[in-house]
PDB file of N, CA and C in Angstrom:
ATOM      1  N   MET A   1     -31.539 -60.269 -71.796  1.00  0.00           N
ATOM      2  CA  MET A   1     -32.105 -60.343 -70.470  1.00  0.00           C
ATOM      3  C   MET A   1     -32.497 -58.938 -70.038  1.00  0.00           C
ATOM      4  N   THR A   2     -33.604 -58.854 -69.348  1.00  0.00           N
ATOM      5  CA  THR A   2     -34.118 -57.589 -68.848  1.00  0.00           C
ATOM      6  C   THR A   2     -34.388 -57.721 -67.358  1.00  0.00           C
ATOM      7  N   THR A   3     -34.091 -56.673 -66.619  1.00  0.00           N
ATOM      8  CA  THR A   3     -34.373 -56.663 -65.188  1.00  0.00           C
ATOM      9  C   THR A   3     -35.545 -55.738 -64.931  1.00  0.00           C
ATOM     10  N   VAL A   4     -36.503 -56.210 -64.156  1.00  0.00           N
ATOM     11  CA  VAL A   4     -37.670 -55.411 -63.785  1.00  0.00           C
ATOM     12  C   VAL A   4     -37.730 -55.366 -62.268  1.00  0.00           C
ATOM     13  N   ILE A   5     -37.840 -54.186 -61.716  1.00  0.00           N
ATOM     14  CA  ILE A   5     -37.944 -54.027 -60.269  1.00  0.00           C
ATOM     15  C   ILE A   5     -39.365 -53.602 -59.945  1.00  0.00           C
ATOM     16  N   LEU A   6     -40.040 -54.394 -59.106  1.00  0.00           N
ATOM     17  CA  LEU A   6     -41.424 -54.102 -58.743  1.00  0.00           C
ATOM     18  C   LEU A   6     -41.514 -53.702 -57.283  1.00  0.00           C
ATOM     19  N   ASP A   7     -42.235 -52.646 -57.025  1.00  0.00           N
ATOM     20  CA  ASP A   7     -42.548 -52.254 -55.658  1.00  0.00           C
ATOM     21  C   ASP A   7     -43.836 -52.986 -55.317  1.00  0.00           C
ATOM     22  N   THR A   8     -43.714 -54.083 -54.609  1.00  0.00           N
ATOM     23  CA  THR A   8     -44.864 -54.967 -54.393  1.00  0.00           C
ATOM     24  C   THR A   8     -45.773 -54.535 -53.255  1.00  0.00           C
ATOM     25  N   ARG A   9     -45.721 -53.275 -52.904  1.00  0.00           N
ATOM     26  CA  ARG A   9     -46.661 -52.783 -51.885  1.00  0.00           C
ATOM     27  C   ARG A   9     -48.051 -52.557 -52.456  1.00  0.00           C
ATOM     28  N   SER A  10     -48.151 -52.406 -53.772  1.00  0.00           N
ATOM     29  CA  SER A  10     -49.475 -52.192 -54.361  1.00  0.00           C
ATOM     30  C   SER A  10     -50.064 -53.525 -54.826  1.00  0.00           C
ATOM     31  N   GLU A  11     -51.372 -53.617 -54.816  1.00  0.00           N
ATOM     32  CA  GLU A  11     -52.058 -54.840 -55.249  1.00  0.00           C
ATOM     33  C   GLU A  11     -51.801 -55.111 -56.722  1.00  0.00           C
ATOM     34  N   GLU A  12     -51.754 -54.066 -57.530  1.00  0.00           N
ATOM     35  CA  GLU A  12     -51.513 -54.224 -58.961  1.00  0.00           C
ATOM     36  C   GLU A  12     -50.155 -54.866 -59.210  1.00  0.00           C
ATOM     37  N   ALA A  13     -49.136 -54.419 -58.486  1.00  0.00           N
ATOM     38  CA  ALA A  13     -47.800 -54.984 -58.635  1.00  0.00           C
ATOM     39  C   ALA A  13     -47.766 -56.432 -58.170  1.00  0.00           C
ATOM     40  N   LYS A  14     -48.488 -56.740 -57.099  1.00  0.00           N
ATOM     41  CA  LYS A  14     -48.549 -58.122 -56.612  1.00  0.00           C
ATOM     42  C   LYS A  14     -49.193 -59.037 -57.658  1.00  0.00           C
ATOM     43  N   ARG A  15     -50.230 -58.545 -58.316  1.00  0.00           N
ATOM     44  CA  ARG A  15     -50.881 -59.333 -59.362  1.00  0.00           C
ATOM     45  C   ARG A  15     -49.938 -59.546 -60.548  1.00  0.00           C
ATOM     46  N   LEU A  16     -49.190 -58.510 -60.906  1.00  0.00           N
ATOM     47  CA  LEU A  16     -48.228 -58.634 -61.995  1.00  0.00           C
ATOM     48  C   LEU A  16     -47.150 -59.649 -61.637  1.00  0.00           C
ATOM     49  N   LEU A  17     -46.678 -59.612 -60.409  1.00  0.00           N
ATOM     50  CA  LEU A  17     -45.669 -60.555 -59.950  1.00  0.00           C
ATOM     51  C   LEU A  17     -46.202 -61.988 -60.002  1.00  0.00           C
ATOM     52  N   ASP A  18     -47.418 -62.188 -59.553  1.00  0.00           N
ATOM     53  CA  ASP A  18     -48.040 -63.517 -59.620  1.00  0.00           C
ATOM     54  C   ASP A  18     -48.145 -64.002 -61.062  1.00  0.00           C
ATOM     55  N   PHE A  19     -48.514 -63.089 -61.957  1.00  0.00           N
ATOM     56  CA  PHE A  19     -48.596 -63.448 -63.370  1.00  0.00           C
ATOM     57  C   PHE A  19     -47.235 -63.872 -63.904  1.00  0.00           C
ATOM     58  N   LEU A  20     -46.202 -63.092 -63.607  1.00  0.00           N
ATOM     59  CA  LEU A  20     -44.866 -63.419 -64.100  1.00  0.00           C
ATOM     60  C   LEU A  20     -44.386 -64.762 -63.565  1.00  0.00           C
ATOM     61  N   LYS A  21     -44.687 -65.054 -62.309  1.00  0.00           N
ATOM     62  CA  LYS A  21     -44.303 -66.341 -61.719  1.00  0.00           C
ATOM     63  C   LYS A  21     -44.995 -67.509 -62.423  1.00  0.00           C
ATOM     64  N   SER A  22     -46.179 -67.266 -62.975  1.00  0.00           N
ATOM     65  CA  SER A  22     -46.943 -68.334 -63.612  1.00  0.00           C
ATOM     66  C   SER A  22     -46.506 -68.616 -65.052  1.00  0.00           C
ATOM     67  N   THR A  23     -45.644 -67.792 -65.594  1.00  0.00           N
ATOM     68  CA  THR A  23     -45.213 -67.993 -66.974  1.00  0.00           C
ATOM     69  C   THR A  23     -43.955 -68.853 -67.039  1.00  0.00           C
ATOM     70  N   SER A  24     -43.718 -69.418 -68.217  1.00  0.00           N
ATOM     71  CA  SER A  24     -42.521 -70.240 -68.403  1.00  0.00           C
ATOM     72  C   SER A  24     -41.326 -69.416 -68.892  1.00  0.00           C
ATOM     73  N   TYR A  25     -41.552 -68.193 -69.284  1.00  0.00           N
ATOM     74  CA  TYR A  25     -40.478 -67.377 -69.853  1.00  0.00           C
ATOM     75  C   TYR A  25     -39.922 -66.328 -68.897  1.00  0.00           C
ATOM     76  N   ALA A  26     -40.451 -66.256 -67.684  1.00  0.00           N
ATOM     77  CA  ALA A  26     -39.955 -65.273 -66.711  1.00  0.00           C
ATOM     78  C   ALA A  26     -39.421 -66.013 -65.486  1.00  0.00           C
ATOM     79  N   LYS A  27     -38.284 -65.574 -65.003  1.00  0.00           N
ATOM     80  CA  LYS A  27     -37.719 -66.138 -63.783  1.00  0.00           C
ATOM     81  C   LYS A  27     -37.737 -65.032 -62.733  1.00  0.00           C
ATOM     82  N   VAL A  28     -38.405 -65.282 -61.626  1.00  0.00           N
ATOM     83  CA  VAL A  28     -38.534 -64.289 -60.566  1.00  0.00           C
ATOM     84  C   VAL A  28     -37.544 -64.629 -59.457  1.00  0.00           C
ATOM     85  N   ILE A  29     -36.699 -63.683 -59.124  1.00  0.00           N
ATOM     86  CA  ILE A  29     -35.732 -63.850 -58.047  1.00  0.00           C
ATOM     87  C   ILE A  29     -36.102 -62.856 -56.960  1.00  0.00           C
ATOM     88  N   ASP A  30     -36.558 -63.376 -55.827  1.00  0.00           N
ATOM     89  CA  ASP A  30     -36.941 -62.510 -54.718  1.00  0.00           C
ATOM     90  C   ASP A  30     -35.688 -62.024 -54.000  1.00  0.00           C
ATOM     91  N   GLU A  31     -35.587 -60.727 -53.822  1.00  0.00           N
ATOM     92  CA  GLU A  31     -34.462 -60.145 -53.104  1.00  0.00           C
ATOM     93  C   GLU A  31     -34.784 -60.159 -51.619  1.00  0.00           C
ATOM     94  N   LYS A  32     -33.921 -60.770 -50.861  1.00  0.00           N
ATOM     95  CA  LYS A  32     -34.134 -60.868 -49.425  1.00  0.00           C
ATOM     96  C   LYS A  32     -33.298 -59.801 -48.711  1.00  0.00           C
ATOM     97  N   THR A  33     -33.812 -59.296 -47.625  1.00  0.00           N
ATOM     98  CA  THR A  33     -33.077 -58.350 -46.797  1.00  0.00           C
ATOM     99  C   THR A  33     -32.196 -59.144 -45.847  1.00  0.00           C
ATOM    100  N   PRO A  34     -30.904 -58.815 -45.787  1.00  0.00           N
ATOM    101  CA  PRO A  34     -30.014 -59.551 -44.883  1.00  0.00           C
ATOM    102  C   PRO A  34     -30.430 -59.382 -43.424  1.00  0.00           C
ATOM    103  N   ASN A  35     -30.130 -60.412 -42.608  1.00  0.00           N
ATOM    104  CA  ASN A  35     -30.459 -60.322 -41.192  1.00  0.00           C
ATOM    105  C   ASN A  35     -29.479 -59.386 -40.479  1.00  0.00           C
ATOM    106  N   THR A  36     -29.726 -59.117 -39.210  1.00  0.00           N
ATOM    107  CA  THR A  36     -28.940 -58.155 -38.440  1.00  0.00           C
ATOM    108  C   THR A  36     -27.470 -58.543 -38.368  1.00  0.00           C
ATOM    109  N   LYS A  37     -27.208 -59.830 -38.153  1.00  0.00           N
ATOM    110  CA  LYS A  37     -25.819 -60.300 -38.042  1.00  0.00           C
ATOM    111  C   LYS A  37     -25.059 -60.084 -39.359  1.00  0.00           C
ATOM    112  N   THR A  38     -25.717 -60.364 -40.480  1.00  0.00           N
ATOM    113  CA  THR A  38     -25.090 -60.165 -41.781  1.00  0.00           C
ATOM    114  C   THR A  38     -24.854 -58.684 -42.051  1.00  0.00           C
ATOM    115  N   LEU A  39     -25.828 -57.838 -41.724  1.00  0.00           N
ATOM    116  CA  LEU A  39     -25.654 -56.390 -41.912  1.00  0.00           C
ATOM    117  C   LEU A  39     -24.482 -55.870 -41.087  1.00  0.00           C
ATOM    118  N   LYS A  40     -24.321 -56.371 -39.857  1.00  0.00           N
ATOM    119  CA  LYS A  40     -23.210 -55.972 -38.994  1.00  0.00           C
ATOM    120  C   LYS A  40     -21.884 -56.406 -39.620  1.00  0.00           C
ATOM    121  N   ALA A  41     -21.827 -57.618 -40.143  1.00  0.00           N
ATOM    122  CA  ALA A  41     -20.611 -58.113 -40.791  1.00  0.00           C
ATOM    123  C   ALA A  41     -20.263 -57.272 -42.013  1.00  0.00           C
ATOM    124  N   MET A  42     -21.263 -56.883 -42.787  1.00  0.00           N
ATOM    125  CA  MET A  42     -21.027 -56.044 -43.964  1.00  0.00           C
ATOM    126  C   MET A  42     -20.498 -54.673 -43.541  1.00  0.00           C
ATOM    127  N   GLU A  43     -21.049 -54.141 -42.466  1.00  0.00           N
ATOM    128  CA  GLU A  43     -20.594 -52.855 -41.937  1.00  0.00           C
ATOM    129  C   GLU A  43     -19.134 -52.952 -41.470  1.00  0.00           C
ATOM    130  N   ASP A  44     -18.794 -54.052 -40.799  1.00  0.00           N
ATOM    131  CA  ASP A  44     -17.416 -54.256 -40.343  1.00  0.00           C
ATOM    132  C   ASP A  44     -16.441 -54.289 -41.520  1.00  0.00           C
ATOM    133  N   VAL A  45     -16.801 -54.975 -42.574  1.00  0.00           N
ATOM    134  CA  VAL A  45     -15.939 -55.056 -43.756  1.00  0.00           C
ATOM    135  C   VAL A  45     -15.754 -53.679 -44.379  1.00  0.00           C
ATOM    136  N   GLU A  46     -16.842 -52.943 -44.535  1.00  0.00           N
ATOM    137  CA  GLU A  46     -16.754 -51.609 -45.129  1.00  0.00           C
ATOM    138  C   GLU A  46     -15.903 -50.667 -44.286  1.00  0.00           C
ATOM    139  N   ALA A  47     -15.896 -50.879 -42.953  1.00  0.00           N
ATOM    140  CA  ALA A  47     -15.110 -50.028 -42.049  1.00  0.00           C
ATOM    141  C   ALA A  47     -13.671 -50.526 -41.908  1.00  0.00           C
ATOM    142  N   GLY A  48     -13.357 -51.643 -42.570  1.00  0.00           N
ATOM    143  CA  GLY A  48     -11.999 -52.160 -42.496  1.00  0.00           C
ATOM    144  C   GLY A  48     -11.715 -53.008 -41.270  1.00  0.00           C
ATOM    145  N   ARG A  49     -12.749 -53.376 -40.534  1.00  0.00           N
ATOM    146  CA  ARG A  49     -12.574 -54.224 -39.345  1.00  0.00           C
ATOM    147  C   ARG A  49     -12.611 -55.695 -39.775  1.00  0.00           C
ATOM    148  N   VAL A  50     -11.484 -56.150 -40.310  1.00  0.00           N
ATOM    149  CA  VAL A  50     -11.375 -57.518 -40.802  1.00  0.00           C
ATOM    150  C   VAL A  50     -10.106 -58.166 -40.258  1.00  0.00           C
ATOM    151  N   ASN A  51     -10.057 -59.474 -40.296  1.00  0.00           N
ATOM    152  CA  ASN A  51      -8.864 -60.213 -39.905  1.00  0.00           C
ATOM    153  C   ASN A  51      -8.130 -60.641 -41.164  1.00  0.00           C
ATOM    154  N   SER A  52      -6.804 -60.597 -41.109  1.00  0.00           N
ATOM    155  CA  SER A  52      -5.991 -61.041 -42.235  1.00  0.00           C
ATOM    156  C   SER A  52      -5.101 -62.182 -41.778  1.00  0.00           C
ATOM    157  N   PHE A  53      -4.896 -63.136 -42.648  1.00  0.00           N
ATOM    158  CA  PHE A  53      -4.062 -64.289 -42.357  1.00  0.00           C
ATOM    159  C   PHE A  53      -3.080 -64.482 -43.492  1.00  0.00           C
ATOM    160  N   THR A  54      -1.893 -64.947 -43.152  1.00  0.00           N
ATOM    161  CA  THR A  54      -0.860 -65.146 -44.175  1.00  0.00           C
ATOM    162  C   THR A  54      -0.978 -66.501 -44.840  1.00  0.00           C
ATOM    163  N   SER A  55      -1.733 -67.413 -44.220  1.00  0.00           N
ATOM    164  CA  SER A  55      -1.895 -68.745 -44.805  1.00  0.00           C
ATOM    165  C   SER A  55      -3.187 -69.384 -44.301  1.00  0.00           C
ATOM    166  N   ALA A  56      -3.565 -70.447 -44.967  1.00  0.00           N
ATOM    167  CA  ALA A  56      -4.743 -71.200 -44.540  1.00  0.00           C
ATOM    168  C   ALA A  56      -4.482 -71.850 -43.184  1.00  0.00           C
ATOM    169  N   ASN A  57      -3.253 -72.293 -42.972  1.00  0.00           N
ATOM    170  CA  ASN A  57      -2.908 -72.907 -41.683  1.00  0.00           C
ATOM    171  C   ASN A  57      -3.078 -71.917 -40.537  1.00  0.00           C
ATOM    172  N   GLU A  58      -2.657 -70.664 -40.749  1.00  0.00           N
ATOM    173  CA  GLU A  58      -2.824 -69.637 -39.713  1.00  0.00           C
ATOM    174  C   GLU A  58      -4.304 -69.392 -39.431  1.00  0.00           C
ATOM    175  N   LEU A  59      -5.100 -69.347 -40.463  1.00  0.00           N
ATOM    176  CA  LEU A  59      -6.549 -69.180 -40.306  1.00  0.00           C
ATOM    177  C   LEU A  59      -7.135 -70.334 -39.501  1.00  0.00           C
ATOM    178  N   MET A  60      -6.803 -71.566 -39.879  1.00  0.00           N
ATOM    179  CA  MET A  60      -7.348 -72.734 -39.193  1.00  0.00           C
ATOM    180  C   MET A  60      -6.908 -72.781 -37.734  1.00  0.00           C
ATOM    181  N   THR A  61      -5.665 -72.425 -37.437  1.00  0.00           N
ATOM    182  CA  THR A  61      -5.167 -72.396 -36.064  1.00  0.00           C
ATOM    183  C   THR A  61      -5.967 -71.394 -35.231  1.00  0.00           C
ATOM    184  N   THR A  62      -6.213 -70.215 -35.798  1.00  0.00           N
ATOM    185  CA  THR A  62      -6.981 -69.183 -35.103  1.00  0.00           C
ATOM    186  C   THR A  62      -8.415 -69.643 -34.853  1.00  0.00           C
ATOM    187  N   LEU A  63      -9.028 -70.253 -35.864  1.00  0.00           N
ATOM    188  CA  LEU A  63     -10.405 -70.733 -35.719  1.00  0.00           C
ATOM    189  C   LEU A  63     -10.493 -71.838 -34.670  1.00  0.00           C
ATOM    190  N   LYS A  64      -9.540 -72.737 -34.672  1.00  0.00           N
ATOM    191  CA  LYS A  64      -9.544 -73.826 -33.698  1.00  0.00           C
ATOM    192  C   LYS A  64      -9.369 -73.287 -32.268  1.00  0.00           C
ATOM    193  N   LYS A  65      -8.510 -72.288 -32.113  1.00  0.00           N
ATOM    194  CA  LYS A  65      -8.317 -71.699 -30.791  1.00  0.00           C
ATOM    195  C   LYS A  65      -9.606 -71.041 -30.297  1.00  0.00           C
ATOM    196  N   SER A  66     -10.260 -70.313 -31.166  1.00  0.00           N
ATOM    197  CA  SER A  66     -11.480 -69.616 -30.746  1.00  0.00           C
ATOM    198  C   SER A  66     -12.625 -70.609 -30.485  1.00  0.00           C
ATOM    199  N   ALA A  67     -12.554 -71.795 -31.102  1.00  0.00           N
ATOM    200  CA  ALA A  67     -13.574 -72.814 -30.882  1.00  0.00           C
ATOM    201  C   ALA A  67     -13.225 -73.728 -29.703  1.00  0.00           C
ATOM    202  N   GLY A  68     -12.017 -73.568 -29.181  1.00  0.00           N
ATOM    203  CA  GLY A  68     -11.589 -74.403 -28.057  1.00  0.00           C
ATOM    204  C   GLY A  68     -11.230 -75.812 -28.455  1.00  0.00           C
ATOM    205  N   VAL A  69     -10.787 -75.987 -29.687  1.00  0.00           N
ATOM    206  CA  VAL A  69     -10.412 -77.322 -30.172  1.00  0.00           C
ATOM    207  C   VAL A  69      -8.919 -77.507 -30.100  1.00  0.00           C
TER     208      VAL A  69
END
């Protein structure tokens, strides 16, 4: 398997990408940019701002309380 990264800002790269999509031997996976909420969550994790639970029951109790159930 080989990975190819294309900067699709140029027309030539866009044409190459279209060609690769049209073949049966290449699989194109478009990389999506995460939305703002996801980026914030990733930042929180990297900064250590996470919740820890000792059990699944504790997690579910906390989630139910925050949901008002």
